[in-house]
Amino acid sequence: MTTIKINVAALKEDLAWLWEKIDDWLPQSQQGRAMLLLCSVFGFIASIMLISKLINHVDHTKVHFDPTRDYAQIPFDELDATMICEQETNYRYGNSVLRTHVDSHSTRLDKTQGLYKIFMFADIGSKKHFEEITVHCFVDPSEFMIDHYRAIVKKQDTLLDKAISFLNF
């Protein structure tokens, strides 16, 4: 067992010297210290936001590759591509995604382009007020990632359109 001895008196002297140097470096006026504190807080918040964005970007990869899965035994399929598209929709719209459903008539593997073409609908908003968007999502099965993603919001009728459709009933 190793014993470490700390000279407390020397440590106190070193800390006092360090504090003196920091105090010499800091602005002496209250306004200068407040400005330094404000800049430090702003820099800290900006750093946290940047790190958070970088971490989210790393977490939000469009790759759906499971290192524990043997893709030779269980190949990448349409269900995997659909899950990638749902993850991307949830990433883009967050908690406002109420539900998604796949248009099974249009969703397919396009062998000429080598892409899974996933077409789905998503309800975005709150339970009382939501709108349906159409999602076109193309997934490259060899790369396990999205090749193309587009969300289309349905055109909202103007008041004039509603009046014309009411008169034409």
C-alpha atoms as a PDB file:
ATOM      1  CA  MET A   1       0.000   0.000   0.000  1.00  0.00           C
ATOM      2  CA  THR A   2       1.313   3.411  -0.978  1.00  0.00           C
ATOM      3  CA  THR A   3       0.821   6.434   1.257  1.00  0.00           C
ATOM      4  CA  ILE A   4       0.599   9.871  -0.254  1.00  0.00           C
ATOM      5  CA  LYS A   5       1.461  12.806   1.983  1.00  0.00           C
ATOM      6  CA  ILE A   6       0.126  16.227   1.107  1.00  0.00           C
ATOM      7  CA  ASN A   7       1.793  19.356   2.399  1.00  0.00           C
ATOM      8  CA  VAL A   8      -1.317  21.390   3.245  1.00  0.00           C
ATOM      9  CA  ALA A   9       0.606  24.591   3.994  1.00  0.00           C
ATOM     10  CA  ALA A  10       2.311  24.496   0.572  1.00  0.00           C
ATOM     11  CA  LEU A  11      -1.001  23.758  -1.125  1.00  0.00           C
ATOM     12  CA  LYS A  12      -2.599  26.761   0.605  1.00  0.00           C
ATOM     13  CA  GLU A  13       0.308  28.980  -0.527  1.00  0.00           C
ATOM     14  CA  ASP A  14      -0.031  27.754  -4.112  1.00  0.00           C
ATOM     15  CA  LEU A  15      -3.796  28.357  -4.124  1.00  0.00           C
ATOM     16  CA  ALA A  16      -3.323  31.847  -2.655  1.00  0.00           C
ATOM     17  CA  TRP A  17      -0.735  32.641  -5.352  1.00  0.00           C
ATOM     18  CA  LEU A  18      -3.071  31.307  -8.064  1.00  0.00           C
ATOM     19  CA  TRP A  19      -6.007  33.341  -6.749  1.00  0.00           C
ATOM     20  CA  GLU A  20      -3.796  36.467  -6.676  1.00  0.00           C
ATOM     21  CA  LYS A  21      -2.821  35.922 -10.328  1.00  0.00           C
ATOM     22  CA  ILE A  22      -6.437  35.376 -11.338  1.00  0.00           C
ATOM     23  CA  ASP A  23      -7.495  38.463  -9.393  1.00  0.00           C
ATOM     24  CA  ASP A  24      -4.799  40.533 -11.177  1.00  0.00           C
ATOM     25  CA  TRP A  25      -6.056  39.275 -14.526  1.00  0.00           C
ATOM     26  CA  LEU A  26      -9.742  39.982 -13.838  1.00  0.00           C
ATOM     27  CA  PRO A  27     -11.144  43.449 -14.472  1.00  0.00           C
ATOM     28  CA  GLN A  28     -11.237  45.531 -11.295  1.00  0.00           C
ATOM     29  CA  SER A  29     -14.499  47.370 -11.946  1.00  0.00           C
ATOM     30  CA  GLN A  30     -17.895  45.885 -11.169  1.00  0.00           C
ATOM     31  CA  GLN A  31     -18.995  46.577 -14.735  1.00  0.00           C
ATOM     32  CA  GLY A  32     -15.966  44.772 -16.145  1.00  0.00           C
ATOM     33  CA  ARG A  33     -16.509  41.752 -13.904  1.00  0.00           C
ATOM     34  CA  ALA A  34     -20.219  41.654 -14.804  1.00  0.00           C
ATOM     35  CA  MET A  35     -19.336  41.796 -18.511  1.00  0.00           C
ATOM     36  CA  LEU A  36     -16.800  38.982 -18.074  1.00  0.00           C
ATOM     37  CA  LEU A  37     -19.374  36.902 -16.203  1.00  0.00           C
ATOM     38  CA  LEU A  38     -21.989  37.559 -18.880  1.00  0.00           C
ATOM     39  CA  CYS A  39     -19.575  36.574 -21.660  1.00  0.00           C
ATOM     40  CA  SER A  40     -18.560  33.445 -19.749  1.00  0.00           C
ATOM     41  CA  VAL A  41     -22.181  32.384 -19.255  1.00  0.00           C
ATOM     42  CA  PHE A  42     -22.972  33.076 -22.916  1.00  0.00           C
ATOM     43  CA  GLY A  43     -19.917  31.096 -24.014  1.00  0.00           C
ATOM     44  CA  PHE A  44     -20.855  28.212 -21.728  1.00  0.00           C
ATOM     45  CA  ILE A  45     -24.435  28.111 -23.055  1.00  0.00           C
ATOM     46  CA  ALA A  46     -23.233  28.338 -26.670  1.00  0.00           C
ATOM     47  CA  SER A  47     -20.781  25.494 -26.034  1.00  0.00           C
ATOM     48  CA  ILE A  48     -23.513  23.328 -24.516  1.00  0.00           C
ATOM     49  CA  MET A  49     -25.813  24.031 -27.479  1.00  0.00           C
ATOM     50  CA  LEU A  50     -23.058  23.204 -29.973  1.00  0.00           C
ATOM     51  CA  ILE A  51     -22.128  19.995 -28.176  1.00  0.00           C
ATOM     52  CA  SER A  52     -25.810  19.044 -27.948  1.00  0.00           C
ATOM     53  CA  LYS A  53     -26.261  19.649 -31.668  1.00  0.00           C
ATOM     54  CA  LEU A  54     -23.182  17.571 -32.466  1.00  0.00           C
ATOM     55  CA  ILE A  55     -24.350  14.754 -30.191  1.00  0.00           C
ATOM     56  CA  ASN A  56     -27.829  14.844 -31.711  1.00  0.00           C
ATOM     57  CA  HIS A  57     -26.295  14.804 -35.161  1.00  0.00           C
ATOM     58  CA  VAL A  58     -24.223  11.765 -34.215  1.00  0.00           C
ATOM     59  CA  ASP A  59     -27.276  10.079 -32.649  1.00  0.00           C
ATOM     60  CA  HIS A  60     -29.385  11.014 -35.633  1.00  0.00           C
ATOM     61  CA  THR A  61     -27.685   9.064 -38.316  1.00  0.00           C
ATOM     62  CA  LYS A  62     -29.845   7.907 -41.139  1.00  0.00           C
ATOM     63  CA  VAL A  63     -28.105   4.563 -40.879  1.00  0.00           C
ATOM     64  CA  HIS A  64     -30.096   1.694 -39.465  1.00  0.00           C
ATOM     65  CA  PHE A  65     -27.283  -0.772 -38.990  1.00  0.00           C
ATOM     66  CA  ASP A  66     -27.441  -3.160 -36.067  1.00  0.00           C
ATOM     67  CA  PRO A  67     -23.942  -4.534 -35.350  1.00  0.00           C
ATOM     68  CA  THR A  68     -25.428  -7.465 -33.427  1.00  0.00           C
ATOM     69  CA  ARG A  69     -27.588  -8.534 -36.353  1.00  0.00           C
ATOM     70  CA  ASP A  70     -26.282 -10.968 -38.956  1.00  0.00           C
ATOM     71  CA  TYR A  71     -27.571  -9.459 -42.208  1.00  0.00           C
ATOM     72  CA  ALA A  72     -26.519 -12.623 -44.049  1.00  0.00           C
ATOM     73  CA  GLN A  73     -28.980 -14.616 -41.909  1.00  0.00           C
ATOM     74  CA  ILE A  74     -31.741 -11.997 -41.726  1.00  0.00           C
ATOM     75  CA  PRO A  75     -31.400  -9.662 -44.744  1.00  0.00           C
ATOM     76  CA  PHE A  76     -32.356  -6.002 -44.710  1.00  0.00           C
ATOM     77  CA  ASP A  77     -35.961  -5.792 -45.887  1.00  0.00           C
ATOM     78  CA  GLU A  78     -38.928  -3.484 -46.381  1.00  0.00           C
ATOM     79  CA  LEU A  79     -39.759  -3.491 -42.671  1.00  0.00           C
ATOM     80  CA  ASP A  80     -36.246  -2.234 -41.848  1.00  0.00           C
ATOM     81  CA  ALA A  81     -36.596   0.508 -44.484  1.00  0.00           C
ATOM     82  CA  THR A  82     -39.979   1.484 -43.036  1.00  0.00           C
ATOM     83  CA  MET A  83     -38.500   1.709 -39.543  1.00  0.00           C
ATOM     84  CA  ILE A  84     -35.764   4.035 -40.835  1.00  0.00           C
ATOM     85  CA  CYS A  85     -38.382   6.301 -42.418  1.00  0.00           C
ATOM     86  CA  GLU A  86     -40.440   6.353 -39.217  1.00  0.00           C
ATOM     87  CA  GLN A  87     -37.330   7.230 -37.207  1.00  0.00           C
ATOM     88  CA  GLU A  88     -36.535  10.091 -39.592  1.00  0.00           C
ATOM     89  CA  THR A  89     -40.112  11.395 -39.372  1.00  0.00           C
ATOM     90  CA  ASN A  90     -39.991  11.226 -35.566  1.00  0.00           C
ATOM     91  CA  TYR A  91     -36.644  13.031 -35.598  1.00  0.00           C
ATOM     92  CA  ARG A  92     -37.935  15.828 -37.827  1.00  0.00           C
ATOM     93  CA  TYR A  93     -41.315  16.350 -36.169  1.00  0.00           C
ATOM     94  CA  GLY A  94     -40.593  15.169 -32.605  1.00  0.00           C
ATOM     95  CA  ASN A  95     -43.490  14.855 -30.187  1.00  0.00           C
ATOM     96  CA  SER A  96     -45.956  16.300 -32.687  1.00  0.00           C
ATOM     97  CA  VAL A  97     -46.075  12.959 -34.563  1.00  0.00           C
ATOM     98  CA  LEU A  98     -49.320  11.331 -33.502  1.00  0.00           C
ATOM     99  CA  ARG A  99     -49.289   8.284 -35.761  1.00  0.00           C
ATOM    100  CA  THR A 100     -47.855   7.017 -39.011  1.00  0.00           C
ATOM    101  CA  HIS A 101     -49.107   4.430 -41.438  1.00  0.00           C
ATOM    102  CA  VAL A 102     -47.582   3.004 -44.572  1.00  0.00           C
ATOM    103  CA  ASP A 103     -49.256   3.172 -47.963  1.00  0.00           C
ATOM    104  CA  SER A 104     -48.825  -0.519 -48.704  1.00  0.00           C
ATOM    105  CA  HIS A 105     -50.097  -0.123 -52.292  1.00  0.00           C
ATOM    106  CA  SER A 106     -47.232   2.192 -53.245  1.00  0.00           C
ATOM    107  CA  THR A 107     -44.413   1.010 -50.992  1.00  0.00           C
ATOM    108  CA  ARG A 108     -42.062  -1.288 -52.878  1.00  0.00           C
ATOM    109  CA  LEU A 109     -38.520  -2.319 -53.733  1.00  0.00           C
ATOM    110  CA  ASP A 110     -37.510  -0.564 -56.943  1.00  0.00           C
ATOM    111  CA  LYS A 111     -35.048  -3.042 -58.397  1.00  0.00           C
ATOM    112  CA  THR A 112     -33.956  -0.728 -61.223  1.00  0.00           C
ATOM    113  CA  GLN A 113     -32.787   1.933 -58.753  1.00  0.00           C
ATOM    114  CA  GLY A 114     -31.927  -0.527 -55.997  1.00  0.00           C
ATOM    115  CA  LEU A 115     -33.972   1.397 -53.421  1.00  0.00           C
ATOM    116  CA  TYR A 116     -36.845   0.667 -51.105  1.00  0.00           C
ATOM    117  CA  LYS A 117     -39.466   3.308 -51.842  1.00  0.00           C
ATOM    118  CA  ILE A 118     -41.512   3.842 -48.715  1.00  0.00           C
ATOM    119  CA  PHE A 119     -44.656   5.961 -48.940  1.00  0.00           C
ATOM    120  CA  MET A 120     -46.409   6.778 -45.698  1.00  0.00           C
ATOM    121  CA  PHE A 121     -48.809   9.186 -44.075  1.00  0.00           C
ATOM    122  CA  ALA A 122     -48.210  10.885 -40.746  1.00  0.00           C
ATOM    123  CA  ASP A 123     -50.567  12.880 -38.559  1.00  0.00           C
ATOM    124  CA  ILE A 124     -48.702  15.876 -37.146  1.00  0.00           C
ATOM    125  CA  GLY A 125     -49.997  18.188 -34.426  1.00  0.00           C
ATOM    126  CA  SER A 126     -52.104  17.656 -31.314  1.00  0.00           C
ATOM    127  CA  LYS A 127     -54.961  15.237 -30.741  1.00  0.00           C
ATOM    128  CA  LYS A 128     -57.480  18.025 -31.333  1.00  0.00           C
ATOM    129  CA  HIS A 129     -55.790  19.786 -34.244  1.00  0.00           C
ATOM    130  CA  PHE A 130     -53.569  17.855 -36.608  1.00  0.00           C
ATOM    131  CA  GLU A 131     -52.787  17.642 -40.276  1.00  0.00           C
ATOM    132  CA  GLU A 132     -51.836  14.706 -42.413  1.00  0.00           C
ATOM    133  CA  ILE A 133     -48.556  14.850 -44.284  1.00  0.00           C
ATOM    134  CA  THR A 134     -47.387  12.504 -46.999  1.00  0.00           C
ATOM    135  CA  VAL A 135     -43.864  11.146 -46.660  1.00  0.00           C
ATOM    136  CA  HIS A 136     -41.763   9.868 -49.548  1.00  0.00           C
ATOM    137  CA  CYS A 137     -38.712   8.090 -48.217  1.00  0.00           C
ATOM    138  CA  PHE A 138     -36.239   6.111 -50.334  1.00  0.00           C
ATOM    139  CA  VAL A 139     -33.820   3.827 -48.504  1.00  0.00           C
ATOM    140  CA  ASP A 140     -30.671   2.272 -49.929  1.00  0.00           C
ATOM    141  CA  PRO A 141     -30.577  -1.336 -48.641  1.00  0.00           C
ATOM    142  CA  SER A 142     -26.859  -1.727 -49.303  1.00  0.00           C
ATOM    143  CA  GLU A 143     -25.960   1.355 -47.236  1.00  0.00           C
ATOM    144  CA  PHE A 144     -28.785   0.984 -44.657  1.00  0.00           C
ATOM    145  CA  MET A 145     -29.557   4.695 -45.027  1.00  0.00           C
ATOM    146  CA  ILE A 146     -31.981   7.199 -46.513  1.00  0.00           C
ATOM    147  CA  ASP A 147     -31.231   8.266 -50.063  1.00  0.00           C
ATOM    148  CA  HIS A 148     -34.182  10.686 -50.373  1.00  0.00           C
ATOM    149  CA  TYR A 149     -36.701  12.064 -47.860  1.00  0.00           C
ATOM    150  CA  ARG A 150     -39.554  14.444 -48.562  1.00  0.00           C
ATOM    151  CA  ALA A 151     -42.560  15.393 -46.445  1.00  0.00           C
ATOM    152  CA  ILE A 152     -45.463  16.973 -48.302  1.00  0.00           C
ATOM    153  CA  VAL A 153     -48.079  19.005 -46.459  1.00  0.00           C
ATOM    154  CA  LYS A 154     -51.501  18.915 -48.094  1.00  0.00           C
ATOM    155  CA  LYS A 155     -52.669  22.184 -49.580  1.00  0.00           C
ATOM    156  CA  GLN A 156     -54.972  24.070 -47.246  1.00  0.00           C
ATOM    157  CA  ASP A 157     -58.128  25.392 -48.906  1.00  0.00           C
ATOM    158  CA  THR A 158     -58.475  29.147 -48.894  1.00  0.00           C
ATOM    159  CA  LEU A 159     -61.707  30.825 -47.853  1.00  0.00           C
ATOM    160  CA  LEU A 160     -62.492  31.455 -51.543  1.00  0.00           C
ATOM    161  CA  ASP A 161     -61.953  27.754 -52.371  1.00  0.00           C
ATOM    162  CA  LYS A 162     -64.330  26.760 -49.572  1.00  0.00           C
ATOM    163  CA  ALA A 163     -66.952  29.251 -50.758  1.00  0.00           C
ATOM    164  CA  ILE A 164     -66.745  27.990 -54.340  1.00  0.00           C
ATOM    165  CA  SER A 165     -66.999  24.361 -53.290  1.00  0.00           C
ATOM    166  CA  PHE A 166     -69.979  25.225 -51.066  1.00  0.00           C
ATOM    167  CA  LEU A 167     -71.789  26.966 -53.950  1.00  0.00           C
ATOM    168  CA  ASN A 168     -71.045  24.080 -56.347  1.00  0.00           C
ATOM    169  CA  PHE A 169     -72.067  21.327 -53.927  1.00  0.00           C
END
